[in-house]
Amino acid sequence: MHSATVRGLATRASVLVALGLCLCCAFIAAAQAQTAATSAPPGKVEQLLKLLDDPEVKAWITAKGAPPVAEIPAVPSPNDFMLWL
């Protein structure tokens, strides 16, 4: 074999090995992220959740009223396009 052919094969092999290592690292990281244990919420969070489930608290929140959420148009207007420019 010619040395250029050997170098070409070695280059391709090293790229494939590097790509394989990157994929392995990505799979390992994804697997570790999925197995992260969730702990029970602290006592104060549990109290807050119980309060939010209370009908009196729900009625007070509804009576107080939350600010209306502005709707975002699905299609940008020509003015939006001019702002982007």
PDB file of N, CA and C in Angstrom:
ATOM      1  N   MET A   1       0.836  -1.180   0.000  1.00  0.00           N
ATOM      2  CA  MET A   1       0.000   0.000   0.000  1.00  0.00           C
ATOM      3  C   MET A   1       0.876   1.235   0.000  1.00  0.00           C
ATOM      4  N   HIS A   2       0.341   2.270  -0.563  1.00  0.00           N
ATOM      5  CA  HIS A   2       1.065   3.530  -0.586  1.00  0.00           C
ATOM      6  C   HIS A   2       0.883   4.240   0.746  1.00  0.00           C
ATOM      7  N   SER A   3       1.838   5.056   1.100  1.00  0.00           N
ATOM      8  CA  SER A   3       1.763   5.760   2.386  1.00  0.00           C
ATOM      9  C   SER A   3       0.595   6.753   2.417  1.00  0.00           C
ATOM     10  N   ALA A   4       0.237   7.313   1.274  1.00  0.00           N
ATOM     11  CA  ALA A   4      -0.899   8.242   1.229  1.00  0.00           C
ATOM     12  C   ALA A   4      -2.195   7.497   1.531  1.00  0.00           C
ATOM     13  N   THR A   5      -2.310   6.277   1.057  1.00  0.00           N
ATOM     14  CA  THR A   5      -3.515   5.489   1.317  1.00  0.00           C
ATOM     15  C   THR A   5      -3.608   5.133   2.790  1.00  0.00           C
ATOM     16  N   VAL A   6      -2.462   4.770   3.355  1.00  0.00           N
ATOM     17  CA  VAL A   6      -2.437   4.427   4.775  1.00  0.00           C
ATOM     18  C   VAL A   6      -2.794   5.640   5.622  1.00  0.00           C
ATOM     19  N   ARG A   7      -2.246   6.798   5.267  1.00  0.00           N
ATOM     20  CA  ARG A   7      -2.555   8.021   6.011  1.00  0.00           C
ATOM     21  C   ARG A   7      -4.038   8.360   5.897  1.00  0.00           C
ATOM     22  N   GLY A   8      -4.598   8.191   4.720  1.00  0.00           N
ATOM     23  CA  GLY A   8      -6.015   8.474   4.520  1.00  0.00           C
ATOM     24  C   GLY A   8      -6.885   7.556   5.354  1.00  0.00           C
ATOM     25  N   LEU A   9      -6.532   6.273   5.399  1.00  0.00           N
ATOM     26  CA  LEU A   9      -7.295   5.324   6.208  1.00  0.00           C
ATOM     27  C   LEU A   9      -7.137   5.616   7.697  1.00  0.00           C
ATOM     28  N   ALA A  10      -5.924   5.977   8.096  1.00  0.00           N
ATOM     29  CA  ALA A  10      -5.692   6.304   9.504  1.00  0.00           C
ATOM     30  C   ALA A  10      -6.476   7.547   9.911  1.00  0.00           C
ATOM     31  N   THR A  11      -6.538   8.525   9.032  1.00  0.00           N
ATOM     32  CA  THR A  11      -7.295   9.747   9.316  1.00  0.00           C
ATOM     33  C   THR A  11      -8.771   9.431   9.462  1.00  0.00           C
ATOM     34  N   ARG A  12      -9.300   8.640   8.542  1.00  0.00           N
ATOM     35  CA  ARG A  12     -10.716   8.279   8.610  1.00  0.00           C
ATOM     36  C   ARG A  12     -11.016   7.468   9.866  1.00  0.00           C
ATOM     37  N   ALA A  13     -10.120   6.563  10.210  1.00  0.00           N
ATOM     38  CA  ALA A  13     -10.329   5.738  11.398  1.00  0.00           C
ATOM     39  C   ALA A  13     -10.311   6.601  12.654  1.00  0.00           C
ATOM     40  N   SER A  14      -9.394   7.560  12.729  1.00  0.00           N
ATOM     41  CA  SER A  14      -9.321   8.406  13.921  1.00  0.00           C
ATOM     42  C   SER A  14     -10.559   9.298  14.029  1.00  0.00           C
ATOM     43  N   VAL A  15     -11.083   9.757  12.905  1.00  0.00           N
ATOM     44  CA  VAL A  15     -12.302  10.568  12.931  1.00  0.00           C
ATOM     45  C   VAL A  15     -13.470   9.712  13.412  1.00  0.00           C
ATOM     46  N   LEU A  16     -13.568   8.495  12.932  1.00  0.00           N
ATOM     47  CA  LEU A  16     -14.647   7.603  13.351  1.00  0.00           C
ATOM     48  C   LEU A  16     -14.542   7.264  14.846  1.00  0.00           C
ATOM     49  N   VAL A  17     -13.340   7.039  15.327  1.00  0.00           N
ATOM     50  CA  VAL A  17     -13.155   6.743  16.746  1.00  0.00           C
ATOM     51  C   VAL A  17     -13.543   7.953  17.590  1.00  0.00           C
ATOM     52  N   ALA A  18     -13.123   9.146  17.170  1.00  0.00           N
ATOM     53  CA  ALA A  18     -13.470  10.365  17.913  1.00  0.00           C
ATOM     54  C   ALA A  18     -14.982  10.576  17.918  1.00  0.00           C
ATOM     55  N   LEU A  19     -15.624  10.344  16.789  1.00  0.00           N
ATOM     56  CA  LEU A  19     -17.073  10.484  16.704  1.00  0.00           C
ATOM     57  C   LEU A  19     -17.764   9.472  17.606  1.00  0.00           C
ATOM     58  N   GLY A  20     -17.265   8.248  17.629  1.00  0.00           N
ATOM     59  CA  GLY A  20     -17.832   7.221  18.498  1.00  0.00           C
ATOM     60  C   GLY A  20     -17.696   7.577  19.965  1.00  0.00           C
ATOM     61  N   LEU A  21     -16.550   8.122  20.356  1.00  0.00           N
ATOM     62  CA  LEU A  21     -16.358   8.541  21.746  1.00  0.00           C
ATOM     63  C   LEU A  21     -17.304   9.671  22.118  1.00  0.00           C
ATOM     64  N   CYS A  22     -17.500  10.610  21.208  1.00  0.00           N
ATOM     65  CA  CYS A  22     -18.436  11.714  21.482  1.00  0.00           C
ATOM     66  C   CYS A  22     -19.854  11.185  21.662  1.00  0.00           C
ATOM     67  N   LEU A  23     -20.266  10.251  20.818  1.00  0.00           N
ATOM     68  CA  LEU A  23     -21.603   9.679  20.943  1.00  0.00           C
ATOM     69  C   LEU A  23     -21.753   8.915  22.253  1.00  0.00           C
ATOM     70  N   CYS A  24     -20.732   8.180  22.638  1.00  0.00           N
ATOM     71  CA  CYS A  24     -20.783   7.446  23.905  1.00  0.00           C
ATOM     72  C   CYS A  24     -20.921   8.407  25.079  1.00  0.00           C
ATOM     73  N   CYS A  25     -20.162   9.482  25.054  1.00  0.00           N
ATOM     74  CA  CYS A  25     -20.259  10.472  26.134  1.00  0.00           C
ATOM     75  C   CYS A  25     -21.647  11.101  26.178  1.00  0.00           C
ATOM     76  N   ALA A  26     -22.223  11.364  25.013  1.00  0.00           N
ATOM     77  CA  ALA A  26     -23.556  11.958  24.974  1.00  0.00           C
ATOM     78  C   ALA A  26     -24.594  10.996  25.539  1.00  0.00           C
ATOM     79  N   PHE A  27     -24.485   9.714  25.193  1.00  0.00           N
ATOM     80  CA  PHE A  27     -25.443   8.730  25.704  1.00  0.00           C
ATOM     81  C   PHE A  27     -25.299   8.555  27.218  1.00  0.00           C
ATOM     82  N   ILE A  28     -24.077   8.568  27.702  1.00  0.00           N
ATOM     83  CA  ILE A  28     -23.847   8.421  29.142  1.00  0.00           C
ATOM     84  C   ILE A  28     -24.422   9.622  29.887  1.00  0.00           C
ATOM     85  N   ALA A  29     -24.198  10.821  29.350  1.00  0.00           N
ATOM     86  CA  ALA A  29     -24.723  12.030  29.991  1.00  0.00           C
ATOM     87  C   ALA A  29     -26.247  12.017  30.006  1.00  0.00           C
ATOM     88  N   ALA A  30     -26.858  11.573  28.923  1.00  0.00           N
ATOM     89  CA  ALA A  30     -28.321  11.515  28.869  1.00  0.00           C
ATOM     90  C   ALA A  30     -28.860  10.486  29.856  1.00  0.00           C
ATOM     91  N   ALA A  31     -28.183   9.371  29.974  1.00  0.00           N
ATOM     92  CA  ALA A  31     -28.631   8.337  30.906  1.00  0.00           C
ATOM     93  C   ALA A  31     -28.516   8.816  32.349  1.00  0.00           C
ATOM     94  N   GLN A  32     -27.456   9.527  32.669  1.00  0.00           N
ATOM     95  CA  GLN A  32     -27.296  10.044  34.031  1.00  0.00           C
ATOM     96  C   GLN A  32     -28.312  11.120  34.334  1.00  0.00           C
ATOM     97  N   ALA A  33     -28.669  11.915  33.347  1.00  0.00           N
ATOM     98  CA  ALA A  33     -29.658  12.970  33.568  1.00  0.00           C
ATOM     99  C   ALA A  33     -31.031  12.373  33.838  1.00  0.00           C
ATOM    100  N   GLN A  34     -31.324  11.235  33.229  1.00  0.00           N
ATOM    101  CA  GLN A  34     -32.623  10.617  33.410  1.00  0.00           C
ATOM    102  C   GLN A  34     -32.743   9.911  34.749  1.00  0.00           C
ATOM    103  N   THR A  35     -31.646   9.488  35.335  1.00  0.00           N
ATOM    104  CA  THR A  35     -31.702   8.736  36.579  1.00  0.00           C
ATOM    105  C   THR A  35     -31.556   9.631  37.812  1.00  0.00           C
ATOM    106  N   ALA A  36     -31.581  10.949  37.615  1.00  0.00           N
ATOM    107  CA  ALA A  36     -31.468  11.853  38.759  1.00  0.00           C
ATOM    108  C   ALA A  36     -32.695  11.671  39.649  1.00  0.00           C
ATOM    109  N   ALA A  37     -32.444  11.427  40.913  1.00  0.00           N
ATOM    110  CA  ALA A  37     -33.540  11.171  41.849  1.00  0.00           C
ATOM    111  C   ALA A  37     -34.163  12.491  42.279  1.00  0.00           C
ATOM    112  N   THR A  38     -35.490  12.491  42.334  1.00  0.00           N
ATOM    113  CA  THR A  38     -36.182  13.676  42.822  1.00  0.00           C
ATOM    114  C   THR A  38     -36.529  13.438  44.284  1.00  0.00           C
ATOM    115  N   SER A  39     -36.171  14.399  45.112  1.00  0.00           N
ATOM    116  CA  SER A  39     -36.449  14.251  46.534  1.00  0.00           C
ATOM    117  C   SER A  39     -37.808  14.861  46.842  1.00  0.00           C
ATOM    118  N   ALA A  40     -38.331  14.520  47.996  1.00  0.00           N
ATOM    119  CA  ALA A  40     -39.616  15.053  48.436  1.00  0.00           C
ATOM    120  C   ALA A  40     -39.470  16.553  48.680  1.00  0.00           C
ATOM    121  N   PRO A  41     -40.514  17.333  48.377  1.00  0.00           N
ATOM    122  CA  PRO A  41     -40.403  18.775  48.594  1.00  0.00           C
ATOM    123  C   PRO A  41     -40.299  19.103  50.079  1.00  0.00           C
ATOM    124  N   PRO A  42     -39.631  20.200  50.397  1.00  0.00           N
ATOM    125  CA  PRO A  42     -39.516  20.599  51.797  1.00  0.00           C
ATOM    126  C   PRO A  42     -40.890  20.904  52.394  1.00  0.00           C
ATOM    127  N   GLY A  43     -40.934  20.979  53.687  1.00  0.00           N
ATOM    128  CA  GLY A  43     -42.192  21.197  54.404  1.00  0.00           C
ATOM    129  C   GLY A  43     -42.916  22.465  53.993  1.00  0.00           C
ATOM    130  N   LYS A  44     -42.175  23.538  53.772  1.00  0.00           N
ATOM    131  CA  LYS A  44     -42.807  24.800  53.394  1.00  0.00           C
ATOM    132  C   LYS A  44     -43.474  24.701  52.033  1.00  0.00           C
ATOM    133  N   VAL A  45     -42.860  23.961  51.112  1.00  0.00           N
ATOM    134  CA  VAL A  45     -43.451  23.789  49.789  1.00  0.00           C
ATOM    135  C   VAL A  45     -44.737  22.971  49.900  1.00  0.00           C
ATOM    136  N   GLU A  46     -44.715  21.957  50.747  1.00  0.00           N
ATOM    137  CA  GLU A  46     -45.929  21.166  50.959  1.00  0.00           C
ATOM    138  C   GLU A  46     -47.038  22.029  51.556  1.00  0.00           C
ATOM    139  N   GLN A  47     -46.692  22.914  52.484  1.00  0.00           N
ATOM    140  CA  GLN A  47     -47.684  23.822  53.068  1.00  0.00           C
ATOM    141  C   GLN A  47     -48.264  24.747  52.001  1.00  0.00           C
ATOM    142  N   LEU A  48     -47.395  25.257  51.128  1.00  0.00           N
ATOM    143  CA  LEU A  48     -47.853  26.137  50.067  1.00  0.00           C
ATOM    144  C   LEU A  48     -48.811  25.408  49.131  1.00  0.00           C
ATOM    145  N   LEU A  49     -48.477  24.178  48.772  1.00  0.00           N
ATOM    146  CA  LEU A  49     -49.349  23.405  47.889  1.00  0.00           C
ATOM    147  C   LEU A  49     -50.698  23.139  48.548  1.00  0.00           C
ATOM    148  N   LYS A  50     -50.691  22.869  49.848  1.00  0.00           N
ATOM    149  CA  LYS A  50     -51.955  22.657  50.563  1.00  0.00           C
ATOM    150  C   LYS A  50     -52.778  23.939  50.575  1.00  0.00           C
ATOM    151  N   LEU A  51     -52.108  25.088  50.783  1.00  0.00           N
ATOM    152  CA  LEU A  51     -52.820  26.365  50.778  1.00  0.00           C
ATOM    153  C   LEU A  51     -53.405  26.672  49.396  1.00  0.00           C
ATOM    154  N   LEU A  52     -52.671  26.360  48.366  1.00  0.00           N
ATOM    155  CA  LEU A  52     -53.170  26.618  47.017  1.00  0.00           C
ATOM    156  C   LEU A  52     -54.357  25.723  46.671  1.00  0.00           C
ATOM    157  N   ASP A  53     -54.462  24.559  47.311  1.00  0.00           N
ATOM    158  CA  ASP A  53     -55.601  23.673  47.091  1.00  0.00           C
ATOM    159  C   ASP A  53     -56.819  24.084  47.924  1.00  0.00           C
ATOM    160  N   ASP A  54     -56.631  24.958  48.893  1.00  0.00           N
ATOM    161  CA  ASP A  54     -57.723  25.389  49.765  1.00  0.00           C
ATOM    162  C   ASP A  54     -58.732  26.217  48.961  1.00  0.00           C
ATOM    163  N   PRO A  55     -60.041  25.885  49.038  1.00  0.00           N
ATOM    164  CA  PRO A  55     -61.045  26.628  48.273  1.00  0.00           C
ATOM    165  C   PRO A  55     -61.102  28.117  48.628  1.00  0.00           C
ATOM    166  N   GLU A  56     -60.893  28.468  49.885  1.00  0.00           N
ATOM    167  CA  GLU A  56     -60.912  29.884  50.283  1.00  0.00           C
ATOM    168  C   GLU A  56     -59.773  30.653  49.616  1.00  0.00           C
ATOM    169  N   VAL A  57     -58.609  30.043  49.576  1.00  0.00           N
ATOM    170  CA  VAL A  57     -57.452  30.693  48.958  1.00  0.00           C
ATOM    171  C   VAL A  57     -57.683  30.818  47.457  1.00  0.00           C
ATOM    172  N   LYS A  58     -58.240  29.764  46.844  1.00  0.00           N
ATOM    173  CA  LYS A  58     -58.538  29.828  45.409  1.00  0.00           C
ATOM    174  C   LYS A  58     -59.532  30.950  45.122  1.00  0.00           C
ATOM    175  N   ALA A  59     -60.561  31.088  45.960  1.00  0.00           N
ATOM    176  CA  ALA A  59     -61.551  32.140  45.761  1.00  0.00           C
ATOM    177  C   ALA A  59     -60.920  33.514  45.910  1.00  0.00           C
ATOM    178  N   TRP A  60     -60.018  33.675  46.879  1.00  0.00           N
ATOM    179  CA  TRP A  60     -59.358  34.963  47.093  1.00  0.00           C
ATOM    180  C   TRP A  60     -58.485  35.321  45.894  1.00  0.00           C
ATOM    181  N   ILE A  61     -57.760  34.331  45.377  1.00  0.00           N
ATOM    182  CA  ILE A  61     -56.886  34.578  44.225  1.00  0.00           C
ATOM    183  C   ILE A  61     -57.732  34.958  43.009  1.00  0.00           C
ATOM    184  N   THR A  62     -58.863  34.267  42.831  1.00  0.00           N
ATOM    185  CA  THR A  62     -59.743  34.563  41.706  1.00  0.00           C
ATOM    186  C   THR A  62     -60.354  35.962  41.861  1.00  0.00           C
ATOM    187  N   ALA A  63     -60.760  36.319  43.084  1.00  0.00           N
ATOM    188  CA  ALA A  63     -61.360  37.633  43.328  1.00  0.00           C
ATOM    189  C   ALA A  63     -60.349  38.752  43.125  1.00  0.00           C
ATOM    190  N   LYS A  64     -59.125  38.506  43.540  1.00  0.00           N
ATOM    191  CA  LYS A  64     -58.092  39.518  43.387  1.00  0.00           C
ATOM    192  C   LYS A  64     -57.803  39.740  41.917  1.00  0.00           C
ATOM    193  N   GLY A  65     -57.817  38.670  41.158  1.00  0.00           N
ATOM    194  CA  GLY A  65     -57.637  38.765  39.709  1.00  0.00           C
ATOM    195  C   GLY A  65     -56.181  38.881  39.323  1.00  0.00           C
ATOM    196  N   ALA A  66     -55.820  38.073  38.393  1.00  0.00           N
ATOM    197  CA  ALA A  66     -54.469  38.121  37.843  1.00  0.00           C
ATOM    198  C   ALA A  66     -54.483  39.060  36.650  1.00  0.00           C
ATOM    199  N   PRO A  67     -53.380  39.731  36.375  1.00  0.00           N
ATOM    200  CA  PRO A  67     -53.340  40.627  35.219  1.00  0.00           C
ATOM    201  C   PRO A  67     -53.539  39.820  33.937  1.00  0.00           C
ATOM    202  N   PRO A  68     -54.270  40.381  32.992  1.00  0.00           N
ATOM    203  CA  PRO A  68     -54.509  39.637  31.745  1.00  0.00           C
ATOM    204  C   PRO A  68     -53.210  39.415  30.985  1.00  0.00           C
ATOM    205  N   VAL A  69     -53.133  38.280  30.357  1.00  0.00           N
ATOM    206  CA  VAL A  69     -51.950  37.936  29.577  1.00  0.00           C
ATOM    207  C   VAL A  69     -52.160  38.449  28.163  1.00  0.00           C
ATOM    208  N   ALA A  70     -51.224  39.230  27.676  1.00  0.00           N
ATOM    209  CA  ALA A  70     -51.330  39.767  26.327  1.00  0.00           C
ATOM    210  C   ALA A  70     -51.117  38.642  25.318  1.00  0.00           C
ATOM    211  N   GLU A  71     -51.990  38.596  24.337  1.00  0.00           N
ATOM    212  CA  GLU A  71     -51.870  37.565  23.312  1.00  0.00           C
ATOM    213  C   GLU A  71     -50.819  37.984  22.299  1.00  0.00           C
ATOM    214  N   ILE A  72     -50.025  37.024  21.907  1.00  0.00           N
ATOM    215  CA  ILE A  72     -48.999  37.267  20.901  1.00  0.00           C
ATOM    216  C   ILE A  72     -49.586  36.880  19.555  1.00  0.00           C
ATOM    217  N   PRO A  73     -49.552  37.786  18.585  1.00  0.00           N
ATOM    218  CA  PRO A  73     -50.129  37.436  17.283  1.00  0.00           C
ATOM    219  C   PRO A  73     -49.363  36.280  16.647  1.00  0.00           C
ATOM    220  N   ALA A  74     -50.109  35.387  16.009  1.00  0.00           N
ATOM    221  CA  ALA A  74     -49.495  34.212  15.400  1.00  0.00           C
ATOM    222  C   ALA A  74     -48.654  34.599  14.189  1.00  0.00           C
ATOM    223  N   VAL A  75     -49.112  35.603  13.441  1.00  0.00           N
ATOM    224  CA  VAL A  75     -48.386  36.040  12.247  1.00  0.00           C
ATOM    225  C   VAL A  75     -47.854  37.437  12.516  1.00  0.00           C
ATOM    226  N   PRO A  76     -46.568  37.655  12.297  1.00  0.00           N
ATOM    227  CA  PRO A  76     -46.017  38.988  12.546  1.00  0.00           C
ATOM    228  C   PRO A  76     -46.631  40.015  11.595  1.00  0.00           C
ATOM    229  N   SER A  77     -46.834  41.197  12.101  1.00  0.00           N
ATOM    230  CA  SER A  77     -47.397  42.275  11.285  1.00  0.00           C
ATOM    231  C   SER A  77     -46.277  42.939  10.488  1.00  0.00           C
ATOM    232  N   PRO A  78     -46.621  43.739   9.490  1.00  0.00           N
ATOM    233  CA  PRO A  78     -45.584  44.455   8.733  1.00  0.00           C
ATOM    234  C   PRO A  78     -44.756  45.380   9.618  1.00  0.00           C
ATOM    235  N   ASN A  79     -45.373  45.925  10.671  1.00  0.00           N
ATOM    236  CA  ASN A  79     -44.615  46.782  11.584  1.00  0.00           C
ATOM    237  C   ASN A  79     -43.542  45.997  12.316  1.00  0.00           C
ATOM    238  N   ASP A  80     -43.866  44.752  12.688  1.00  0.00           N
ATOM    239  CA  ASP A  80     -42.876  43.891  13.347  1.00  0.00           C
ATOM    240  C   ASP A  80     -41.694  43.647  12.409  1.00  0.00           C
ATOM    241  N   PHE A  81     -42.012  43.426  11.140  1.00  0.00           N
ATOM    242  CA  PHE A  81     -40.950  43.172  10.161  1.00  0.00           C
ATOM    243  C   PHE A  81     -40.034  44.377  10.044  1.00  0.00           C
ATOM    244  N   MET A  82     -40.609  45.562  10.059  1.00  0.00           N
ATOM    245  CA  MET A  82     -39.798  46.776   9.946  1.00  0.00           C
ATOM    246  C   MET A  82     -38.921  46.962  11.184  1.00  0.00           C
ATOM    247  N   LEU A  83     -39.438  46.549  12.358  1.00  0.00           N
ATOM    248  CA  LEU A  83     -38.632  46.635  13.567  1.00  0.00           C
ATOM    249  C   LEU A  83     -37.451  45.684  13.513  1.00  0.00           C
ATOM    250  N   TRP A  84     -37.640  44.527  12.906  1.00  0.00           N
ATOM    251  CA  TRP A  84     -36.555  43.548  12.809  1.00  0.00           C
ATOM    252  C   TRP A  84     -35.430  44.067  11.927  1.00  0.00           C
ATOM    253  N   LEU A  85     -35.805  44.845  10.910  1.00  0.00           N
ATOM    254  CA  LEU A  85     -34.784  45.359  10.005  1.00  0.00           C
ATOM    255  C   LEU A  85     -33.961  46.385  10.732  1.00  0.00           C
TER     256      LEU A  85
END
